[in-house]
C-alpha atoms as a PDB file:
ATOM      1  CA  MET A   1      96.641 -24.745 105.319  1.00  0.00           C
ATOM      2  CA  LYS A   2      97.638 -21.118 105.616  1.00  0.00           C
ATOM      3  CA  LEU A   3      98.197 -18.380 103.008  1.00  0.00           C
ATOM      4  CA  VAL A   4     100.508 -15.536 103.611  1.00  0.00           C
ATOM      5  CA  VAL A   5     100.238 -12.687 101.010  1.00  0.00           C
ATOM      6  CA  GLY A   6     102.397  -9.612 100.775  1.00  0.00           C
ATOM      7  CA  LEU A   7     101.112  -6.484  98.974  1.00  0.00           C
ATOM      8  CA  GLY A   8     103.096  -4.342  96.666  1.00  0.00           C
ATOM      9  CA  ASN A   9     103.294  -3.237  93.038  1.00  0.00           C
ATOM     10  CA  PRO A  10     105.184  -4.825  90.166  1.00  0.00           C
ATOM     11  CA  GLY A  11     108.074  -3.118  88.273  1.00  0.00           C
ATOM     12  CA  PRO A  12     111.583  -2.062  89.006  1.00  0.00           C
ATOM     13  CA  GLU A  13     110.367   1.546  89.768  1.00  0.00           C
ATOM     14  CA  TYR A  14     108.758   0.301  92.946  1.00  0.00           C
ATOM     15  CA  ALA A  15     111.856  -1.544  94.321  1.00  0.00           C
ATOM     16  CA  TRP A  16     112.459  -0.289  97.887  1.00  0.00           C
ATOM     17  CA  SER A  17     109.148   1.809  97.858  1.00  0.00           C
ATOM     18  CA  ARG A  18     107.349   1.889 101.116  1.00  0.00           C
ATOM     19  CA  HIS A  19     104.280   0.519  99.411  1.00  0.00           C
ATOM     20  CA  ASN A  20     106.356  -2.769  98.613  1.00  0.00           C
ATOM     21  CA  ALA A  21     106.940  -3.516 102.288  1.00  0.00           C
ATOM     22  CA  GLY A  22     104.686  -6.623 102.078  1.00  0.00           C
ATOM     23  CA  TRP A  23     106.443  -8.027  98.950  1.00  0.00           C
ATOM     24  CA  MET A  24     109.695  -7.410 100.627  1.00  0.00           C
ATOM     25  CA  MET A  25     108.602  -9.488 103.611  1.00  0.00           C
ATOM     26  CA  ILE A  26     107.339 -12.362 101.395  1.00  0.00           C
ATOM     27  CA  ASP A  27     110.896 -12.404  99.632  1.00  0.00           C
ATOM     28  CA  PHE A  28     112.328 -12.524 103.116  1.00  0.00           C
ATOM     29  CA  TYR A  29     110.105 -15.266 104.320  1.00  0.00           C
ATOM     30  CA  THR A  30     110.517 -17.508 101.203  1.00  0.00           C
ATOM     31  CA  GLY A  31     114.372 -16.835 101.050  1.00  0.00           C
ATOM     32  CA  LYS A  32     114.800 -17.717 104.726  1.00  0.00           C
ATOM     33  CA  ASN A  33     112.687 -20.803 104.255  1.00  0.00           C
ATOM     34  CA  GLY A  34     114.622 -21.783 101.070  1.00  0.00           C
ATOM     35  CA  LEU A  35     111.729 -21.916  98.914  1.00  0.00           C
ATOM     36  CA  GLY A  36     113.543 -20.932  95.724  1.00  0.00           C
ATOM     37  CA  ALA A  37     111.833 -19.297  92.703  1.00  0.00           C
ATOM     38  CA  PRO A  38     108.040 -18.865  92.581  1.00  0.00           C
ATOM     39  CA  HIS A  39     105.527 -20.184  90.142  1.00  0.00           C
ATOM     40  CA  MET A  40     103.348 -17.635  88.142  1.00  0.00           C
ATOM     41  CA  LYS A  41      99.773 -18.387  89.464  1.00  0.00           C
ATOM     42  CA  PHE A  42      96.873 -16.555  90.667  1.00  0.00           C
ATOM     43  CA  SER A  43      97.971 -13.356  88.879  1.00  0.00           C
ATOM     44  CA  GLY A  44     101.147 -13.231  90.818  1.00  0.00           C
ATOM     45  CA  ALA A  45     104.278 -14.947  92.282  1.00  0.00           C
ATOM     46  CA  PHE A  46     103.103 -18.104  94.108  1.00  0.00           C
ATOM     47  CA  TRP A  47     105.020 -20.547  96.217  1.00  0.00           C
ATOM     48  CA  PRO A  48     103.199 -23.844  96.758  1.00  0.00           C
ATOM     49  CA  ALA A  49     102.724 -25.333 100.136  1.00  0.00           C
ATOM     50  CA  SER A  50     105.813 -25.916 102.240  1.00  0.00           C
ATOM     51  CA  SER A  51     106.410 -26.737 105.857  1.00  0.00           C
ATOM     52  CA  PHE A  52     106.933 -23.563 108.028  1.00  0.00           C
ATOM     53  CA  ASP A  53     107.123 -24.113 111.798  1.00  0.00           C
ATOM     54  CA  GLY A  54     105.186 -27.274 111.594  1.00  0.00           C
ATOM     55  CA  HIS A  55     102.490 -25.704 109.258  1.00  0.00           C
ATOM     56  CA  ARG A  56     101.734 -26.031 105.546  1.00  0.00           C
ATOM     57  CA  VAL A  57     101.998 -22.489 104.158  1.00  0.00           C
ATOM     58  CA  LEU A  58     101.533 -20.977 100.731  1.00  0.00           C
ATOM     59  CA  PHE A  59     102.995 -17.596  99.927  1.00  0.00           C
ATOM     60  CA  LEU A  60     101.665 -15.074  97.426  1.00  0.00           C
ATOM     61  CA  LYS A  61     102.823 -11.747  95.902  1.00  0.00           C
ATOM     62  CA  PRO A  62      99.903 -10.619  93.715  1.00  0.00           C
ATOM     63  CA  PHE A  63     100.975  -8.749  90.508  1.00  0.00           C
ATOM     64  CA  THR A  64      97.573  -7.067  90.104  1.00  0.00           C
ATOM     65  CA  TYR A  65      98.879  -3.702  91.602  1.00  0.00           C
ATOM     66  CA  MET A  66      97.952  -2.891  95.057  1.00  0.00           C
ATOM     67  CA  ASN A  67      94.436  -1.698  94.600  1.00  0.00           C
ATOM     68  CA  LEU A  68      93.271  -4.879  92.857  1.00  0.00           C
ATOM     69  CA  SER A  69      94.923  -7.472  95.221  1.00  0.00           C
ATOM     70  CA  GLY A  70      91.563  -8.813  96.158  1.00  0.00           C
ATOM     71  CA  LYS A  71      91.222 -10.770  92.817  1.00  0.00           C
ATOM     72  CA  SER A  72      94.506 -12.629  93.220  1.00  0.00           C
ATOM     73  CA  VAL A  73      94.023 -13.420  97.017  1.00  0.00           C
ATOM     74  CA  ALA A  74      90.442 -14.636  96.559  1.00  0.00           C
ATOM     75  CA  GLU A  75      91.494 -16.987  93.648  1.00  0.00           C
ATOM     76  CA  ALA A  76      94.278 -18.591  95.750  1.00  0.00           C
ATOM     77  CA  ALA A  77      92.075 -18.951  98.806  1.00  0.00           C
ATOM     78  CA  LYS A  78      89.204 -20.490  96.846  1.00  0.00           C
ATOM     79  CA  TYR A  79      91.406 -22.856  94.937  1.00  0.00           C
ATOM     80  CA  TYR A  80      93.087 -24.142  98.202  1.00  0.00           C
ATOM     81  CA  ASP A  81      90.102 -23.896 100.258  1.00  0.00           C
ATOM     82  CA  VAL A  82      91.820 -21.615 102.761  1.00  0.00           C
ATOM     83  CA  ALA A  83      89.547 -19.810 105.206  1.00  0.00           C
ATOM     84  CA  SER A  84      89.737 -16.060 105.596  1.00  0.00           C
ATOM     85  CA  ASN A  85      91.019 -16.356 108.997  1.00  0.00           C
ATOM     86  CA  ASP A  86      93.897 -18.556 107.704  1.00  0.00           C
ATOM     87  CA  VAL A  87      95.015 -15.740 105.354  1.00  0.00           C
ATOM     88  CA  LEU A  88      97.580 -13.349 106.613  1.00  0.00           C
ATOM     89  CA  ILE A  89      98.097 -10.001 104.685  1.00  0.00           C
ATOM     90  CA  VAL A  90     101.177  -8.272 105.160  1.00  0.00           C
ATOM     91  CA  PHE A  91     101.283  -4.592 104.053  1.00  0.00           C
ATOM     92  CA  ASP A  92     102.738  -1.148 104.755  1.00  0.00           C
ATOM     93  CA  ASP A  93     101.241   1.360 107.064  1.00  0.00           C
ATOM     94  CA  ALA A  94     102.242   5.082 107.137  1.00  0.00           C
ATOM     95  CA  ALA A  95     100.279   5.521 110.323  1.00  0.00           C
ATOM     96  CA  LEU A  96     102.800   3.470 112.188  1.00  0.00           C
ATOM     97  CA  PRO A  97     106.485   4.672 112.803  1.00  0.00           C
ATOM     98  CA  PHE A  98     109.113   2.970 110.712  1.00  0.00           C
ATOM     99  CA  GLY A  99     110.109  -0.326 112.315  1.00  0.00           C
ATOM    100  CA  ARG A 100     106.831  -0.890 114.214  1.00  0.00           C
ATOM    101  CA  LEU A 101     104.681  -3.878 113.183  1.00  0.00           C
ATOM    102  CA  ARG A 102     101.036  -4.290 114.291  1.00  0.00           C
ATOM    103  CA  TYR A 103      98.923  -7.592 114.049  1.00  0.00           C
ATOM    104  CA  ARG A 104      95.063  -7.698 114.133  1.00  0.00           C
ATOM    105  CA  GLN A 105      92.922 -10.658 113.499  1.00  0.00           C
ATOM    106  CA  ASN A 106      90.274  -8.683 111.678  1.00  0.00           C
ATOM    107  CA  GLY A 107      88.778  -5.083 111.139  1.00  0.00           C
ATOM    108  CA  SER A 108      88.421  -2.432 108.480  1.00  0.00           C
ATOM    109  CA  ALA A 109      90.841  -1.694 105.841  1.00  0.00           C
ATOM    110  CA  GLY A 110      91.931   1.426 107.798  1.00  0.00           C
ATOM    111  CA  GLY A 111      92.202   3.352 104.466  1.00  0.00           C
ATOM    112  CA  HIS A 112      94.445   1.024 102.735  1.00  0.00           C
ATOM    113  CA  ASN A 113      93.213   0.375  99.229  1.00  0.00           C
ATOM    114  CA  GLY A 114      95.046  -2.959  98.868  1.00  0.00           C
ATOM    115  CA  MET A 115      93.440  -4.380 102.081  1.00  0.00           C
ATOM    116  CA  ALA A 116      90.009  -2.873 101.059  1.00  0.00           C
ATOM    117  CA  SER A 117      90.287  -4.824  97.740  1.00  0.00           C
ATOM    118  CA  ILE A 118      91.123  -8.156  99.652  1.00  0.00           C
ATOM    119  CA  LEU A 119      88.288  -7.829 102.175  1.00  0.00           C
ATOM    120  CA  GLY A 120      85.961  -7.201  99.226  1.00  0.00           C
ATOM    121  CA  GLY A 121      87.414 -10.203  97.318  1.00  0.00           C
ATOM    122  CA  LEU A 122      86.982 -12.458 100.361  1.00  0.00           C
ATOM    123  CA  GLY A 123      83.628 -10.993 101.529  1.00  0.00           C
ATOM    124  CA  THR A 124      84.668 -10.499 105.248  1.00  0.00           C
ATOM    125  CA  LEU A 125      86.466  -8.359 107.643  1.00  0.00           C
ATOM    126  CA  ASP A 126      87.764 -11.494 109.451  1.00  0.00           C
ATOM    127  CA  VAL A 127      91.103 -11.513 107.690  1.00  0.00           C
ATOM    128  CA  PRO A 128      94.340 -11.218 109.803  1.00  0.00           C
ATOM    129  CA  ARG A 129      96.856  -8.757 108.847  1.00  0.00           C
ATOM    130  CA  LEU A 130     100.275  -7.579 109.711  1.00  0.00           C
ATOM    131  CA  ARG A 131     100.991  -3.837 109.099  1.00  0.00           C
ATOM    132  CA  VAL A 132     104.631  -2.898 108.534  1.00  0.00           C
ATOM    133  CA  GLY A 133     105.380   0.606 109.832  1.00  0.00           C
ATOM    134  CA  VAL A 134     106.794   2.741 107.150  1.00  0.00           C
ATOM    135  CA  GLY A 135     106.418   6.175 108.973  1.00  0.00           C
ATOM    136  CA  PRO A 136     104.193   9.115 108.315  1.00  0.00           C
ATOM    137  CA  PRO A 137     104.869  11.561 105.544  1.00  0.00           C
ATOM    138  CA  PRO A 138     106.018  15.058 106.293  1.00  0.00           C
ATOM    139  CA  PRO A 139     103.125  17.502 106.711  1.00  0.00           C
ATOM    140  CA  SER A 140     103.601  18.931 103.177  1.00  0.00           C
ATOM    141  CA  ALA A 141     103.908  15.554 101.412  1.00  0.00           C
ATOM    142  CA  ASP A 142     101.210  13.858  99.423  1.00  0.00           C
ATOM    143  CA  MET A 143     100.399  10.422 100.734  1.00  0.00           C
ATOM    144  CA  ARG A 144     100.496   8.703  97.333  1.00  0.00           C
ATOM    145  CA  ASP A 145     103.991  10.225  96.656  1.00  0.00           C
ATOM    146  CA  TRP A 146     105.146   9.139 100.223  1.00  0.00           C
ATOM    147  CA  VAL A 147     104.182   5.458  99.879  1.00  0.00           C
ATOM    148  CA  LEU A 148     105.382   5.130  96.404  1.00  0.00           C
ATOM    149  CA  GLY A 149     108.579   6.925  97.444  1.00  0.00           C
ATOM    150  CA  LYS A 150     111.761   4.729  98.406  1.00  0.00           C
ATOM    151  CA  PHE A 151     112.988   4.094 101.994  1.00  0.00           C
ATOM    152  CA  PRO A 152     115.950   6.326 102.614  1.00  0.00           C
ATOM    153  CA  LYS A 153     119.338   4.662 103.144  1.00  0.00           C
ATOM    154  CA  GLU A 154     119.411   4.787 106.939  1.00  0.00           C
ATOM    155  CA  GLN A 155     115.938   2.889 106.882  1.00  0.00           C
ATOM    156  CA  ARG A 156     117.270   0.317 104.430  1.00  0.00           C
ATOM    157  CA  ASP A 157     120.288  -0.133 106.576  1.00  0.00           C
ATOM    158  CA  ARG A 158     117.955  -1.021 109.447  1.00  0.00           C
ATOM    159  CA  TRP A 159     115.637  -3.175 107.332  1.00  0.00           C
ATOM    160  CA  SER A 160     116.927  -6.574 108.509  1.00  0.00           C
ATOM    161  CA  ASP A 161     115.777  -5.548 112.116  1.00  0.00           C
ATOM    162  CA  VAL A 162     112.240  -5.118 110.569  1.00  0.00           C
ATOM    163  CA  GLU A 163     112.625  -8.475 108.786  1.00  0.00           C
ATOM    164  CA  ASP A 164     113.520 -10.224 112.142  1.00  0.00           C
ATOM    165  CA  LEU A 165     110.430  -8.815 113.774  1.00  0.00           C
ATOM    166  CA  ALA A 166     108.184  -9.859 110.822  1.00  0.00           C
ATOM    167  CA  TRP A 167     109.765 -13.459 110.976  1.00  0.00           C
ATOM    168  CA  SER A 168     108.873 -13.786 114.719  1.00  0.00           C
ATOM    169  CA  SER A 169     105.422 -12.190 114.100  1.00  0.00           C
ATOM    170  CA  LEU A 170     104.679 -14.671 111.351  1.00  0.00           C
ATOM    171  CA  ALA A 171     105.705 -17.628 113.726  1.00  0.00           C
ATOM    172  CA  ARG A 172     103.505 -16.209 116.540  1.00  0.00           C
ATOM    173  CA  TRP A 173     100.432 -16.102 114.146  1.00  0.00           C
ATOM    174  CA  LEU A 174     101.130 -19.558 112.888  1.00  0.00           C
ATOM    175  CA  ASP A 175     101.238 -20.897 116.428  1.00  0.00           C
ATOM    176  CA  GLY A 176      98.024 -19.120 117.242  1.00  0.00           C
ATOM    177  CA  ALA A 177      99.800 -17.163 119.984  1.00  0.00           C
ATOM    178  CA  SER A 178      98.716 -13.838 118.636  1.00  0.00           C
ATOM    179  CA  GLY A 179      95.401 -13.539 120.360  1.00  0.00           C
ATOM    180  CA  GLU A 180      93.475 -10.525 119.378  1.00  0.00           C
ATOM    181  CA  GLY A 181      96.572  -8.561 118.362  1.00  0.00           C
ATOM    182  CA  PHE A 182      99.972  -7.225 119.190  1.00  0.00           C
ATOM    183  CA  THR A 183     102.289  -4.351 118.374  1.00  0.00           C
ATOM    184  CA  VAL A 184     106.083  -4.709 118.367  1.00  0.00           C
ATOM    185  CA  GLY A 185     108.947  -2.415 117.288  1.00  0.00           C
ATOM    186  CA  ILE A 186     112.600  -2.437 116.645  1.00  0.00           C
ATOM    187  CA  GLY A 187     114.436  -2.621 120.133  1.00  0.00           C
ATOM    188  CA  GLU A 188     111.306  -3.715 122.038  1.00  0.00           C
ATOM    189  CA  LYS A 189     110.979  -7.042 123.627  1.00  0.00           C
END
């Protein structure tokens, strides 16, 4: 059994915000897989186990706000007895250019408070993660304002390309072909 978690914040004010890139990917994964409406469970939107590329996969969007995501993820992982290395966390990364995705099997939170909460909740650094590049803020911008800000129209227009990369990245992780890690971007093979 695998658990895929997308990080974000609840509320209409966060729709299309950079910080909700993980939620947007879960919406894409579950929509493409025809999973329908989620259940309210584990302090979030939860899709029970379904078949995905030959694997049993659970999907979760914590409603705990970004910085408290670890509570929701730890509850789901414990309930379904999912090992930490079978939990994939999908979230935004302002250190990566827009349209670039980076997968790693383990490591620190890299300054991301949502990931830090999850590492604390699961009690290990051995948690796979797929970072979705949202681009760095301009030099004069505040990081909090940047990640809570909305994607501009030209990036929203290219979002389906990012979703395609995320889809293939998820399949690569599920098949165990991701090795230690990989980076891929729009227009790259």
